[in-house]
Amino acid sequence: MKSKILVSTGGGDAGNYLRALEAAGGAGEARYLPAPDLSYDGLLLTGGGDMDPALFSQGNRGSRGVDRARDQAELALLDAFCGAEKPVLAICRGHQVVNVWLGGDLAQDLGPELVPFHQKKEGDQVHPIQAEKGSLLAELYSPVFPVNSSHHQGLGRLGRGLRAAAWSEDGVAEAVEHDTLPIISVQFHPERMTGALARPDTVDGGALFRVFLELCRVK
């Protein structure tokens, strides 16, 4: 039986995430502002707009596309799924939500000298990242490998129990791991690096979805 995954979105097209889950052997249901429902085997937090900086005790210093209702819904989802020790795959905005949920904060704008490295005006920016020895990403790929990015914010102070597992060349945390919880959290977009969207200049993002679904089956 396929693992059933709750996919939390900002209300836009979630097709890339759903196709990546399907290709990896799972089944996703995309919903906007979903209530916690532990009948699902796992949770996927997708990309989207920025979090309300008040949630990490800052004024607005460049955040945009804020949706406070989505922020609150996804923090409640993390309460429920992590409380039940169910696996979470967090991508881009989701990566940032996980950090804030655990008490960390965000760099609200990476600045003009860094943003071009992580975000193009059109499409993804491809760049190398370095993974920590022994981390999931190092085991799946290699110590240094290319990914895509499309973001102007990044993690600041890391939340409780989190450790950086991969970095871009300018020091932005591209992945984190938790000491005890089954969380896979990345700043890049693996759903745009697999299946019909696989690209020759990056690794196969589908590997992350396969590992996530295997965690869901084990749990």
C-alpha atoms as a PDB file:
ATOM      1  CA  MET A   1       0.000   0.000   0.000  1.00  0.00           C
ATOM      2  CA  LYS A   2       1.271   3.470  -0.877  1.00  0.00           C
ATOM      3  CA  SER A   3       2.117   5.839   1.961  1.00  0.00           C
ATOM      4  CA  LYS A   4      -0.417   8.663   2.146  1.00  0.00           C
ATOM      5  CA  ILE A   5       1.171  12.093   2.551  1.00  0.00           C
ATOM      6  CA  LEU A   6      -0.465  15.362   3.580  1.00  0.00           C
ATOM      7  CA  VAL A   7       0.970  18.127   1.386  1.00  0.00           C
ATOM      8  CA  SER A   8       0.524  21.585   2.898  1.00  0.00           C
ATOM      9  CA  THR A   9       0.541  24.350   0.281  1.00  0.00           C
ATOM     10  CA  GLY A  10      -0.122  28.040  -0.092  1.00  0.00           C
ATOM     11  CA  GLY A  11      -3.117  27.303  -2.285  1.00  0.00           C
ATOM     12  CA  GLY A  12      -1.246  27.265  -5.598  1.00  0.00           C
ATOM     13  CA  ASP A  13      -0.362  24.448  -7.967  1.00  0.00           C
ATOM     14  CA  ALA A  14       1.165  21.549  -6.033  1.00  0.00           C
ATOM     15  CA  GLY A  15       1.576  19.332  -9.098  1.00  0.00           C
ATOM     16  CA  ASN A  16       5.367  19.043  -8.928  1.00  0.00           C
ATOM     17  CA  TYR A  17       5.252  17.816  -5.332  1.00  0.00           C
ATOM     18  CA  LEU A  18       2.448  15.352  -6.021  1.00  0.00           C
ATOM     19  CA  ARG A  19       4.189  13.940  -9.099  1.00  0.00           C
ATOM     20  CA  ALA A  20       7.468  13.571  -7.192  1.00  0.00           C
ATOM     21  CA  LEU A  21       5.690  11.644  -4.436  1.00  0.00           C
ATOM     22  CA  GLU A  22       3.905   9.440  -6.972  1.00  0.00           C
ATOM     23  CA  ALA A  23       7.131   8.703  -8.850  1.00  0.00           C
ATOM     24  CA  ALA A  24       8.768   7.687  -5.562  1.00  0.00           C
ATOM     25  CA  GLY A  25       5.922   5.297  -4.732  1.00  0.00           C
ATOM     26  CA  GLY A  26       3.691   7.441  -2.532  1.00  0.00           C
ATOM     27  CA  ALA A  27       0.389   9.273  -2.781  1.00  0.00           C
ATOM     28  CA  GLY A  28      -0.058  12.910  -1.788  1.00  0.00           C
ATOM     29  CA  GLU A  29      -3.093  15.041  -1.013  1.00  0.00           C
ATOM     30  CA  ALA A  30      -2.508  18.783  -1.384  1.00  0.00           C
ATOM     31  CA  ARG A  31      -4.480  21.092   0.902  1.00  0.00           C
ATOM     32  CA  TYR A  32      -4.376  24.738   1.939  1.00  0.00           C
ATOM     33  CA  LEU A  33      -4.696  25.404   5.685  1.00  0.00           C
ATOM     34  CA  PRO A  34      -5.258  21.748   6.555  1.00  0.00           C
ATOM     35  CA  ALA A  35      -6.133  20.790  10.101  1.00  0.00           C
ATOM     36  CA  PRO A  36      -3.794  18.241  11.704  1.00  0.00           C
ATOM     37  CA  ASP A  37      -4.845  14.766  10.578  1.00  0.00           C
ATOM     38  CA  LEU A  38      -2.729  11.894  11.815  1.00  0.00           C
ATOM     39  CA  SER A  39      -4.400   9.405   9.505  1.00  0.00           C
ATOM     40  CA  TYR A  40      -1.697  10.479   7.026  1.00  0.00           C
ATOM     41  CA  ASP A  41       1.629   8.653   7.132  1.00  0.00           C
ATOM     42  CA  GLY A  42       3.726  11.789   6.787  1.00  0.00           C
ATOM     43  CA  LEU A  43       3.728  15.536   6.181  1.00  0.00           C
ATOM     44  CA  LEU A  44       5.249  17.532   3.319  1.00  0.00           C
ATOM     45  CA  LEU A  45       5.667  21.301   3.792  1.00  0.00           C
ATOM     46  CA  THR A  46       6.104  23.040   0.441  1.00  0.00           C
ATOM     47  CA  GLY A  47       7.604  26.291  -0.781  1.00  0.00           C
ATOM     48  CA  GLY A  48       5.829  29.630  -0.919  1.00  0.00           C
ATOM     49  CA  GLY A  49       5.848  33.103   0.595  1.00  0.00           C
ATOM     50  CA  ASP A  50       7.725  34.295   3.656  1.00  0.00           C
ATOM     51  CA  MET A  51       6.749  33.712   7.271  1.00  0.00           C
ATOM     52  CA  ASP A  52       5.440  36.517   9.468  1.00  0.00           C
ATOM     53  CA  PRO A  53       8.626  37.779  11.176  1.00  0.00           C
ATOM     54  CA  ALA A  54       6.649  38.456  14.361  1.00  0.00           C
ATOM     55  CA  LEU A  55       6.672  34.678  14.853  1.00  0.00           C
ATOM     56  CA  PHE A  56      10.420  34.844  15.471  1.00  0.00           C
ATOM     57  CA  SER A  57      10.350  38.166  17.333  1.00  0.00           C
ATOM     58  CA  GLN A  58      11.508  40.439  14.529  1.00  0.00           C
ATOM     59  CA  GLY A  59      10.044  43.386  12.684  1.00  0.00           C
ATOM     60  CA  ASN A  60       9.621  43.168   8.927  1.00  0.00           C
ATOM     61  CA  ARG A  61      13.049  43.569   7.329  1.00  0.00           C
ATOM     62  CA  GLY A  62      12.275  42.473   3.808  1.00  0.00           C
ATOM     63  CA  SER A  63       9.731  39.654   4.213  1.00  0.00           C
ATOM     64  CA  ARG A  64       7.063  39.470   1.522  1.00  0.00           C
ATOM     65  CA  GLY A  65       4.083  37.345   0.568  1.00  0.00           C
ATOM     66  CA  VAL A  66       3.274  36.776   4.254  1.00  0.00           C
ATOM     67  CA  ASP A  67       0.285  34.517   4.986  1.00  0.00           C
ATOM     68  CA  ARG A  68      -0.176  34.409   8.784  1.00  0.00           C
ATOM     69  CA  ALA A  69      -3.015  31.874   8.522  1.00  0.00           C
ATOM     70  CA  ARG A  70      -0.727  29.476   6.657  1.00  0.00           C
ATOM     71  CA  ASP A  71       2.044  30.048   9.182  1.00  0.00           C
ATOM     72  CA  GLN A  72      -0.247  29.147  12.072  1.00  0.00           C
ATOM     73  CA  ALA A  73      -1.676  26.102  10.265  1.00  0.00           C
ATOM     74  CA  GLU A  74       1.766  24.703   9.464  1.00  0.00           C
ATOM     75  CA  LEU A  75       3.109  25.277  12.972  1.00  0.00           C
ATOM     76  CA  ALA A  76       0.100  23.304  14.253  1.00  0.00           C
ATOM     77  CA  LEU A  77       0.823  20.553  11.727  1.00  0.00           C
ATOM     78  CA  LEU A  78       4.377  20.279  13.034  1.00  0.00           C
ATOM     79  CA  ASP A  79       3.068  20.113  16.604  1.00  0.00           C
ATOM     80  CA  ALA A  80       0.863  17.187  15.631  1.00  0.00           C
ATOM     81  CA  PHE A  81       3.085  15.199  13.267  1.00  0.00           C
ATOM     82  CA  CYS A  82       6.311  15.627  15.217  1.00  0.00           C
ATOM     83  CA  GLY A  83       4.442  14.990  18.453  1.00  0.00           C
ATOM     84  CA  ALA A  84       3.422  11.649  16.944  1.00  0.00           C
ATOM     85  CA  GLU A  85       6.973  11.156  15.575  1.00  0.00           C
ATOM     86  CA  LYS A  86       5.642  10.944  12.022  1.00  0.00           C
ATOM     87  CA  PRO A  87       8.102  11.877   9.247  1.00  0.00           C
ATOM     88  CA  VAL A  88       8.229  15.394   7.821  1.00  0.00           C
ATOM     89  CA  LEU A  89       9.751  16.505   4.514  1.00  0.00           C
ATOM     90  CA  ALA A  90      10.247  20.274   4.525  1.00  0.00           C
ATOM     91  CA  ILE A  91      11.191  22.118   1.337  1.00  0.00           C
ATOM     92  CA  CYS A  92      12.259  25.777   0.904  1.00  0.00           C
ATOM     93  CA  ARG A  93       9.648  27.730   2.910  1.00  0.00           C
ATOM     94  CA  GLY A  94       8.956  24.493   4.793  1.00  0.00           C
ATOM     95  CA  HIS A  95      12.650  24.347   5.765  1.00  0.00           C
ATOM     96  CA  GLN A  96      12.249  27.800   7.296  1.00  0.00           C
ATOM     97  CA  VAL A  97       8.976  26.912   9.044  1.00  0.00           C
ATOM     98  CA  VAL A  98      10.682  23.962  10.754  1.00  0.00           C
ATOM     99  CA  ASN A  99      13.438  26.218  12.046  1.00  0.00           C
ATOM    100  CA  VAL A 100      10.990  28.791  13.431  1.00  0.00           C
ATOM    101  CA  TRP A 101       8.817  26.054  14.962  1.00  0.00           C
ATOM    102  CA  LEU A 102      11.857  24.903  16.934  1.00  0.00           C
ATOM    103  CA  GLY A 103      12.642  28.412  18.167  1.00  0.00           C
ATOM    104  CA  GLY A 104      15.101  29.535  15.515  1.00  0.00           C
ATOM    105  CA  ASP A 105      14.926  32.627  13.353  1.00  0.00           C
ATOM    106  CA  LEU A 106      15.451  33.678   9.738  1.00  0.00           C
ATOM    107  CA  ALA A 107      17.636  36.029   7.758  1.00  0.00           C
ATOM    108  CA  GLN A 108      14.775  37.916   6.126  1.00  0.00           C
ATOM    109  CA  ASP A 109      16.777  39.073   3.119  1.00  0.00           C
ATOM    110  CA  LEU A 110      20.128  37.608   2.187  1.00  0.00           C
ATOM    111  CA  GLY A 111      21.160  40.924   0.668  1.00  0.00           C
ATOM    112  CA  PRO A 112      22.036  41.996  -2.878  1.00  0.00           C
ATOM    113  CA  GLU A 113      25.413  40.272  -2.792  1.00  0.00           C
ATOM    114  CA  LEU A 114      23.905  36.867  -1.882  1.00  0.00           C
ATOM    115  CA  VAL A 115      20.421  36.794  -3.398  1.00  0.00           C
ATOM    116  CA  PRO A 116      21.683  36.428  -7.013  1.00  0.00           C
ATOM    117  CA  PHE A 117      23.541  33.320  -5.883  1.00  0.00           C
ATOM    118  CA  HIS A 118      20.298  31.690  -4.697  1.00  0.00           C
ATOM    119  CA  GLN A 119      17.585  33.157  -6.902  1.00  0.00           C
ATOM    120  CA  LYS A 120      17.228  33.993 -10.579  1.00  0.00           C
ATOM    121  CA  LYS A 121      14.606  36.331 -11.966  1.00  0.00           C
ATOM    122  CA  GLU A 122      13.319  33.365 -13.968  1.00  0.00           C
ATOM    123  CA  GLY A 123      13.814  29.732 -13.037  1.00  0.00           C
ATOM    124  CA  ASP A 124      16.085  28.053 -10.535  1.00  0.00           C
ATOM    125  CA  GLN A 125      19.632  29.014  -9.701  1.00  0.00           C
ATOM    126  CA  VAL A 126      21.921  25.972  -9.816  1.00  0.00           C
ATOM    127  CA  HIS A 127      24.873  25.921  -7.424  1.00  0.00           C
ATOM    128  CA  PRO A 128      26.993  23.437  -5.435  1.00  0.00           C
ATOM    129  CA  ILE A 129      26.458  22.655  -1.770  1.00  0.00           C
ATOM    130  CA  GLN A 130      28.707  20.866   0.698  1.00  0.00           C
ATOM    131  CA  ALA A 131      27.220  18.179   2.928  1.00  0.00           C
ATOM    132  CA  GLU A 132      28.399  17.240   6.410  1.00  0.00           C
ATOM    133  CA  LYS A 133      30.191  13.904   6.585  1.00  0.00           C
ATOM    134  CA  GLY A 134      27.754  11.228   7.740  1.00  0.00           C
ATOM    135  CA  SER A 135      24.673  13.306   6.904  1.00  0.00           C
ATOM    136  CA  LEU A 136      21.785  11.951   4.854  1.00  0.00           C
ATOM    137  CA  LEU A 137      22.691  14.141   1.870  1.00  0.00           C
ATOM    138  CA  ALA A 138      26.330  13.042   1.909  1.00  0.00           C
ATOM    139  CA  GLU A 139      25.206   9.413   1.936  1.00  0.00           C
ATOM    140  CA  LEU A 140      22.666   9.926  -0.862  1.00  0.00           C
ATOM    141  CA  TYR A 141      24.855  12.006  -3.125  1.00  0.00           C
ATOM    142  CA  SER A 142      28.446  12.988  -2.240  1.00  0.00           C
ATOM    143  CA  PRO A 143      30.265  15.536  -0.062  1.00  0.00           C
ATOM    144  CA  VAL A 144      29.781  18.232  -2.739  1.00  0.00           C
ATOM    145  CA  PHE A 145      26.992  18.207  -5.313  1.00  0.00           C
ATOM    146  CA  PRO A 146      24.823  20.602  -7.370  1.00  0.00           C
ATOM    147  CA  VAL A 147      21.244  21.587  -6.468  1.00  0.00           C
ATOM    148  CA  ASN A 148      18.743  24.263  -7.446  1.00  0.00           C
ATOM    149  CA  SER A 149      17.536  27.205  -5.368  1.00  0.00           C
ATOM    150  CA  SER A 150      14.931  29.941  -5.550  1.00  0.00           C
ATOM    151  CA  HIS A 151      14.821  31.959  -2.329  1.00  0.00           C
ATOM    152  CA  HIS A 152      15.823  35.307  -0.867  1.00  0.00           C
ATOM    153  CA  GLN A 153      15.697  34.261   2.801  1.00  0.00           C
ATOM    154  CA  GLY A 154      17.697  31.737   4.777  1.00  0.00           C
ATOM    155  CA  LEU A 155      18.027  30.214   8.214  1.00  0.00           C
ATOM    156  CA  GLY A 156      19.507  32.375  10.947  1.00  0.00           C
ATOM    157  CA  ARG A 157      19.872  30.994  14.461  1.00  0.00           C
ATOM    158  CA  LEU A 158      19.088  27.285  14.375  1.00  0.00           C
ATOM    159  CA  GLY A 159      16.198  25.927  16.408  1.00  0.00           C
ATOM    160  CA  ARG A 160      16.370  23.456  19.267  1.00  0.00           C
ATOM    161  CA  GLY A 161      17.794  20.071  18.319  1.00  0.00           C
ATOM    162  CA  LEU A 162      18.724  21.118  14.779  1.00  0.00           C
ATOM    163  CA  ARG A 163      22.184  20.922  13.274  1.00  0.00           C
ATOM    164  CA  ALA A 164      23.274  22.170   9.870  1.00  0.00           C
ATOM    165  CA  ALA A 165      23.874  19.276   7.487  1.00  0.00           C
ATOM    166  CA  ALA A 166      24.740  21.122   4.264  1.00  0.00           C
ATOM    167  CA  TRP A 167      25.766  24.623   3.233  1.00  0.00           C
ATOM    168  CA  SER A 168      26.056  26.674   0.086  1.00  0.00           C
ATOM    169  CA  GLU A 169      29.404  28.262  -0.696  1.00  0.00           C
ATOM    170  CA  ASP A 170      28.319  31.497   0.988  1.00  0.00           C
ATOM    171  CA  GLY A 171      27.433  29.737   4.243  1.00  0.00           C
ATOM    172  CA  VAL A 172      23.634  29.531   3.956  1.00  0.00           C
ATOM    173  CA  ALA A 173      22.282  26.344   5.586  1.00  0.00           C
ATOM    174  CA  GLU A 174      20.853  24.299   2.717  1.00  0.00           C
ATOM    175  CA  ALA A 175      19.817  21.372   4.936  1.00  0.00           C
ATOM    176  CA  VAL A 176      19.331  20.628   8.612  1.00  0.00           C
ATOM    177  CA  GLU A 177      18.821  17.434  10.589  1.00  0.00           C
ATOM    178  CA  HIS A 178      17.187  16.964  13.989  1.00  0.00           C
ATOM    179  CA  ASP A 179      18.729  15.073  16.883  1.00  0.00           C
ATOM    180  CA  THR A 180      15.703  12.814  17.393  1.00  0.00           C
ATOM    181  CA  LEU A 181      12.791  13.662  15.088  1.00  0.00           C
ATOM    182  CA  PRO A 182      12.359  12.126  11.583  1.00  0.00           C
ATOM    183  CA  ILE A 183      12.644  15.455   9.747  1.00  0.00           C
ATOM    184  CA  ILE A 184      14.205  15.908   6.294  1.00  0.00           C
ATOM    185  CA  SER A 185      14.584  19.646   5.748  1.00  0.00           C
ATOM    186  CA  VAL A 186      16.182  21.295   2.710  1.00  0.00           C
ATOM    187  CA  GLN A 187      16.283  24.812   1.281  1.00  0.00           C
ATOM    188  CA  PHE A 188      16.479  23.668  -2.350  1.00  0.00           C
ATOM    189  CA  HIS A 189      13.694  22.147  -4.492  1.00  0.00           C
ATOM    190  CA  PRO A 190      14.084  18.375  -5.056  1.00  0.00           C
ATOM    191  CA  GLU A 191      10.614  18.172  -6.631  1.00  0.00           C
ATOM    192  CA  ARG A 192      12.039  20.158  -9.562  1.00  0.00           C
ATOM    193  CA  MET A 193      15.000  17.806  -9.936  1.00  0.00           C
ATOM    194  CA  THR A 194      13.257  14.497 -10.580  1.00  0.00           C
ATOM    195  CA  GLY A 195      11.025  12.656 -13.042  1.00  0.00           C
ATOM    196  CA  ALA A 196      10.096  14.768 -16.055  1.00  0.00           C
ATOM    197  CA  LEU A 197      11.849  17.713 -14.365  1.00  0.00           C
ATOM    198  CA  ALA A 198      15.156  15.886 -13.851  1.00  0.00           C
ATOM    199  CA  ARG A 199      18.032  17.992 -15.094  1.00  0.00           C
ATOM    200  CA  PRO A 200      21.586  17.091 -16.103  1.00  0.00           C
ATOM    201  CA  ASP A 201      23.160  19.875 -14.020  1.00  0.00           C
ATOM    202  CA  THR A 202      21.842  18.685 -10.615  1.00  0.00           C
ATOM    203  CA  VAL A 203      21.537  15.469  -8.632  1.00  0.00           C
ATOM    204  CA  ASP A 204      18.317  13.415  -8.679  1.00  0.00           C
ATOM    205  CA  GLY A 205      15.917  14.991  -6.184  1.00  0.00           C
ATOM    206  CA  GLY A 206      13.775  11.864  -6.297  1.00  0.00           C
ATOM    207  CA  ALA A 207      16.197  10.146  -3.920  1.00  0.00           C
ATOM    208  CA  LEU A 208      15.025  12.408  -1.088  1.00  0.00           C
ATOM    209  CA  PHE A 209      11.388  11.525  -1.744  1.00  0.00           C
ATOM    210  CA  ARG A 210      12.219   7.837  -1.728  1.00  0.00           C
ATOM    211  CA  VAL A 211      14.013   8.105   1.620  1.00  0.00           C
ATOM    212  CA  PHE A 212      11.123  10.121   3.059  1.00  0.00           C
ATOM    213  CA  LEU A 213       8.562   7.544   1.966  1.00  0.00           C
ATOM    214  CA  GLU A 214      10.682   4.730   3.380  1.00  0.00           C
ATOM    215  CA  LEU A 215      10.656   6.564   6.730  1.00  0.00           C
ATOM    216  CA  CYS A 216       6.872   6.823   6.446  1.00  0.00           C
ATOM    217  CA  ARG A 217       6.568   3.084   5.890  1.00  0.00           C
ATOM    218  CA  VAL A 218       8.815   2.297   8.865  1.00  0.00           C
ATOM    219  CA  LYS A 219       6.880   4.623  11.168  1.00  0.00           C
END
